[in-house]
Amino acid sequence: MSLNHAVIWIDHKEAHVMFLSADASEGEIIGSKSTHSHLHHKAGEVGSGRLALDSKYLHSVIQAVNESKEILVLGPGSAKLELIKHAHHHDPKVAANIVGVETIDHPTDKEILAYARKFFYKVDQML
């Protein structure tokens, strides 16, 4: 594995961005500025009842991995898909480096790293 692997675990509150190799890792947590933790859909209103993620938050996450050659995106809900959509629209170079998207609940940082190492090991074996 090279040092160019990155994994992002993202939800609507924060993103855990980690860079890893076979034996080393480093990471950071990027928080959302959103103060809305729960939204409920009211009868008779148009829309999904969900708040879109702050584009500054998504941009910060994308900028954190813009030098990575292979990116895995993880998360429990729709935030990971919003991040990918944002990347395709605003930074196609980063979007092209996304090699996997997986649904995973709320793991610890150690679990995220173990999952990413296993994923990238399989991807690297296919090359």
C-alpha atoms as a PDB file:
ATOM      1  CA  MET A   1       0.000   0.000   0.000  1.00  0.00           C
ATOM      2  CA  SER A   2       1.168   3.513  -0.722  1.00  0.00           C
ATOM      3  CA  LEU A   3       0.750   6.606   1.418  1.00  0.00           C
ATOM      4  CA  ASN A   4      -1.788   7.894  -1.082  1.00  0.00           C
ATOM      5  CA  HIS A   5      -4.747   6.008   0.410  1.00  0.00           C
ATOM      6  CA  ALA A   6      -7.429   8.013   2.201  1.00  0.00           C
ATOM      7  CA  VAL A   7     -10.619   7.013   3.950  1.00  0.00           C
ATOM      8  CA  ILE A   8     -13.429   9.397   4.856  1.00  0.00           C
ATOM      9  CA  TRP A   9     -16.134   8.466   7.335  1.00  0.00           C
ATOM     10  CA  ILE A  10     -18.793  11.167   7.154  1.00  0.00           C
ATOM     11  CA  ASP A  11     -22.159  11.981   8.642  1.00  0.00           C
ATOM     12  CA  HIS A  12     -24.037  15.260   9.010  1.00  0.00           C
ATOM     13  CA  LYS A  13     -22.084  16.315  12.121  1.00  0.00           C
ATOM     14  CA  GLU A  14     -18.449  15.427  11.371  1.00  0.00           C
ATOM     15  CA  ALA A  15     -16.037  13.749   9.015  1.00  0.00           C
ATOM     16  CA  HIS A  16     -13.114  11.548  10.051  1.00  0.00           C
ATOM     17  CA  VAL A  17     -10.441  11.853   7.363  1.00  0.00           C
ATOM     18  CA  MET A  18      -7.556   9.392   7.589  1.00  0.00           C
ATOM     19  CA  PHE A  19      -4.510   8.733   5.477  1.00  0.00           C
ATOM     20  CA  LEU A  20      -2.948   5.307   5.732  1.00  0.00           C
ATOM     21  CA  SER A  21      -0.305   2.853   4.675  1.00  0.00           C
ATOM     22  CA  ALA A  22       0.189  -0.763   5.707  1.00  0.00           C
ATOM     23  CA  ASP A  23       1.729   0.231   9.038  1.00  0.00           C
ATOM     24  CA  ALA A  24       1.054   3.935   9.609  1.00  0.00           C
ATOM     25  CA  SER A  25      -1.854   6.333   9.684  1.00  0.00           C
ATOM     26  CA  GLU A  26      -2.751   9.883  10.512  1.00  0.00           C
ATOM     27  CA  GLY A  27      -6.051  11.657  10.571  1.00  0.00           C
ATOM     28  CA  GLU A  28      -8.162  14.643  11.387  1.00  0.00           C
ATOM     29  CA  ILE A  29     -11.762  15.370  12.283  1.00  0.00           C
ATOM     30  CA  ILE A  30     -13.628  18.056  10.363  1.00  0.00           C
ATOM     31  CA  GLY A  31     -16.785  19.313  12.033  1.00  0.00           C
ATOM     32  CA  SER A  32     -19.905  20.688  10.414  1.00  0.00           C
ATOM     33  CA  LYS A  33     -21.106  24.137  11.413  1.00  0.00           C
ATOM     34  CA  SER A  34     -24.733  22.954  11.232  1.00  0.00           C
ATOM     35  CA  THR A  35     -26.655  23.301  14.483  1.00  0.00           C
ATOM     36  CA  HIS A  36     -29.659  21.211  13.403  1.00  0.00           C
ATOM     37  CA  SER A  37     -29.350  17.714  14.799  1.00  0.00           C
ATOM     38  CA  HIS A  38     -32.842  16.387  14.015  1.00  0.00           C
ATOM     39  CA  LEU A  39     -35.370  17.442  11.416  1.00  0.00           C
ATOM     40  CA  HIS A  40     -38.858  16.069  11.119  1.00  0.00           C
ATOM     41  CA  HIS A  41     -41.073  16.148   8.072  1.00  0.00           C
ATOM     42  CA  LYS A  42     -44.400  17.865   8.708  1.00  0.00           C
ATOM     43  CA  ALA A  43     -47.531  16.737   6.922  1.00  0.00           C
ATOM     44  CA  GLY A  44     -48.540  18.924   4.014  1.00  0.00           C
ATOM     45  CA  GLU A  45     -45.086  20.443   3.434  1.00  0.00           C
ATOM     46  CA  VAL A  46     -43.117  20.060   0.247  1.00  0.00           C
ATOM     47  CA  GLY A  47     -39.672  18.505   0.517  1.00  0.00           C
ATOM     48  CA  SER A  48     -38.009  15.639   2.273  1.00  0.00           C
ATOM     49  CA  GLY A  49     -37.727  17.288   5.685  1.00  0.00           C
ATOM     50  CA  ARG A  50     -33.955  16.916   5.534  1.00  0.00           C
ATOM     51  CA  LEU A  51     -31.415  19.686   5.660  1.00  0.00           C
ATOM     52  CA  ALA A  52     -28.740  19.686   2.956  1.00  0.00           C
ATOM     53  CA  LEU A  53     -25.156  19.624   4.153  1.00  0.00           C
ATOM     54  CA  ASP A  54     -23.247  22.884   4.313  1.00  0.00           C
ATOM     55  CA  SER A  55     -21.176  23.242   1.131  1.00  0.00           C
ATOM     56  CA  LYS A  56     -18.265  24.722   3.127  1.00  0.00           C
ATOM     57  CA  TYR A  57     -18.204  21.559   5.236  1.00  0.00           C
ATOM     58  CA  LEU A  58     -18.184  19.344   2.139  1.00  0.00           C
ATOM     59  CA  HIS A  59     -15.528  21.509   0.496  1.00  0.00           C
ATOM     60  CA  SER A  60     -13.292  21.226   3.580  1.00  0.00           C
ATOM     61  CA  VAL A  61     -13.532  17.443   3.467  1.00  0.00           C
ATOM     62  CA  ILE A  62     -12.752  17.327  -0.269  1.00  0.00           C
ATOM     63  CA  GLN A  63      -9.776  19.666   0.160  1.00  0.00           C
ATOM     64  CA  ALA A  64      -8.374  17.442   2.906  1.00  0.00           C
ATOM     65  CA  VAL A  65      -8.026  14.529   0.442  1.00  0.00           C
ATOM     66  CA  ASN A  66      -7.219  16.397  -2.771  1.00  0.00           C
ATOM     67  CA  GLU A  67      -3.692  14.902  -2.955  1.00  0.00           C
ATOM     68  CA  SER A  68      -4.850  11.310  -2.380  1.00  0.00           C
ATOM     69  CA  LYS A  69      -4.673   8.837  -5.246  1.00  0.00           C
ATOM     70  CA  GLU A  70      -7.346   6.446  -3.909  1.00  0.00           C
ATOM     71  CA  ILE A  71     -10.237   7.446  -1.658  1.00  0.00           C
ATOM     72  CA  LEU A  72     -12.758   5.280   0.192  1.00  0.00           C
ATOM     73  CA  VAL A  73     -15.921   7.021   1.449  1.00  0.00           C
ATOM     74  CA  LEU A  74     -17.823   5.527   4.381  1.00  0.00           C
ATOM     75  CA  GLY A  75     -20.845   6.647   6.343  1.00  0.00           C
ATOM     76  CA  PRO A  76     -24.185   5.646   7.827  1.00  0.00           C
ATOM     77  CA  GLY A  77     -26.564   7.787   5.775  1.00  0.00           C
ATOM     78  CA  SER A  78     -26.879  10.184   2.875  1.00  0.00           C
ATOM     79  CA  ALA A  79     -23.929  12.436   3.799  1.00  0.00           C
ATOM     80  CA  LYS A  80     -21.487  10.203   1.906  1.00  0.00           C
ATOM     81  CA  LEU A  81     -23.557  10.518  -1.260  1.00  0.00           C
ATOM     82  CA  GLU A  82     -23.853  14.286  -0.850  1.00  0.00           C
ATOM     83  CA  LEU A  83     -20.056  14.431  -0.496  1.00  0.00           C
ATOM     84  CA  ILE A  84     -19.563  12.460  -3.715  1.00  0.00           C
ATOM     85  CA  LYS A  85     -22.095  14.612  -5.560  1.00  0.00           C
ATOM     86  CA  HIS A  86     -20.289  17.735  -4.298  1.00  0.00           C
ATOM     87  CA  ALA A  87     -16.948  16.318  -5.466  1.00  0.00           C
ATOM     88  CA  HIS A  88     -18.295  15.551  -8.951  1.00  0.00           C
ATOM     89  CA  HIS A  89     -19.703  19.057  -9.249  1.00  0.00           C
ATOM     90  CA  HIS A  90     -16.832  21.079  -7.723  1.00  0.00           C
ATOM     91  CA  ASP A  91     -13.688  18.950  -7.996  1.00  0.00           C
ATOM     92  CA  PRO A  92     -13.851  16.215 -10.653  1.00  0.00           C
ATOM     93  CA  LYS A  93     -10.163  15.333 -10.067  1.00  0.00           C
ATOM     94  CA  VAL A  94     -10.935  14.228  -6.514  1.00  0.00           C
ATOM     95  CA  ALA A  95     -14.172  12.543  -7.618  1.00  0.00           C
ATOM     96  CA  ALA A  96     -12.198  10.439 -10.108  1.00  0.00           C
ATOM     97  CA  ASN A  97     -10.024   9.143  -7.252  1.00  0.00           C
ATOM     98  CA  ILE A  98     -12.975   7.783  -5.245  1.00  0.00           C
ATOM     99  CA  VAL A  99     -12.636   4.013  -5.601  1.00  0.00           C
ATOM    100  CA  GLY A 100     -15.283   2.868  -3.153  1.00  0.00           C
ATOM    101  CA  VAL A 101     -18.378   3.882  -1.219  1.00  0.00           C
ATOM    102  CA  GLU A 102     -19.648   1.757   1.660  1.00  0.00           C
ATOM    103  CA  THR A 103     -22.420   2.066   4.215  1.00  0.00           C
ATOM    104  CA  ILE A 104     -21.063   1.600   7.713  1.00  0.00           C
ATOM    105  CA  ASP A 105     -22.677   2.787  10.942  1.00  0.00           C
ATOM    106  CA  HIS A 106     -20.649   4.595  13.649  1.00  0.00           C
ATOM    107  CA  PRO A 107     -17.317   2.769  13.994  1.00  0.00           C
ATOM    108  CA  THR A 108     -14.372   3.807  16.105  1.00  0.00           C
ATOM    109  CA  ASP A 109     -11.314   5.255  14.363  1.00  0.00           C
ATOM    110  CA  LYS A 110      -9.540   1.907  14.793  1.00  0.00           C
ATOM    111  CA  GLU A 111     -12.441   0.121  13.115  1.00  0.00           C
ATOM    112  CA  ILE A 112     -12.411   2.635  10.244  1.00  0.00           C
ATOM    113  CA  LEU A 113      -8.676   2.044   9.712  1.00  0.00           C
ATOM    114  CA  ALA A 114      -9.068  -1.747   9.835  1.00  0.00           C
ATOM    115  CA  TYR A 115     -11.921  -1.591   7.327  1.00  0.00           C
ATOM    116  CA  ALA A 116      -9.923   0.697   5.012  1.00  0.00           C
ATOM    117  CA  ARG A 117      -6.777  -1.460   5.189  1.00  0.00           C
ATOM    118  CA  LYS A 118      -8.789  -4.537   4.249  1.00  0.00           C
ATOM    119  CA  PHE A 119     -10.542  -2.659   1.422  1.00  0.00           C
ATOM    120  CA  PHE A 120      -7.357  -1.163  -0.048  1.00  0.00           C
ATOM    121  CA  TYR A 121      -5.514  -4.474   0.239  1.00  0.00           C
ATOM    122  CA  LYS A 122      -8.184  -6.054  -1.997  1.00  0.00           C
ATOM    123  CA  VAL A 123      -8.146  -3.099  -4.420  1.00  0.00           C
ATOM    124  CA  ASP A 124      -4.329  -3.155  -4.666  1.00  0.00           C
ATOM    125  CA  GLN A 125      -4.347  -6.915  -5.317  1.00  0.00           C
ATOM    126  CA  MET A 126      -6.614  -6.382  -8.331  1.00  0.00           C
ATOM    127  CA  LEU A 127      -4.221  -3.908  -9.968  1.00  0.00           C
END
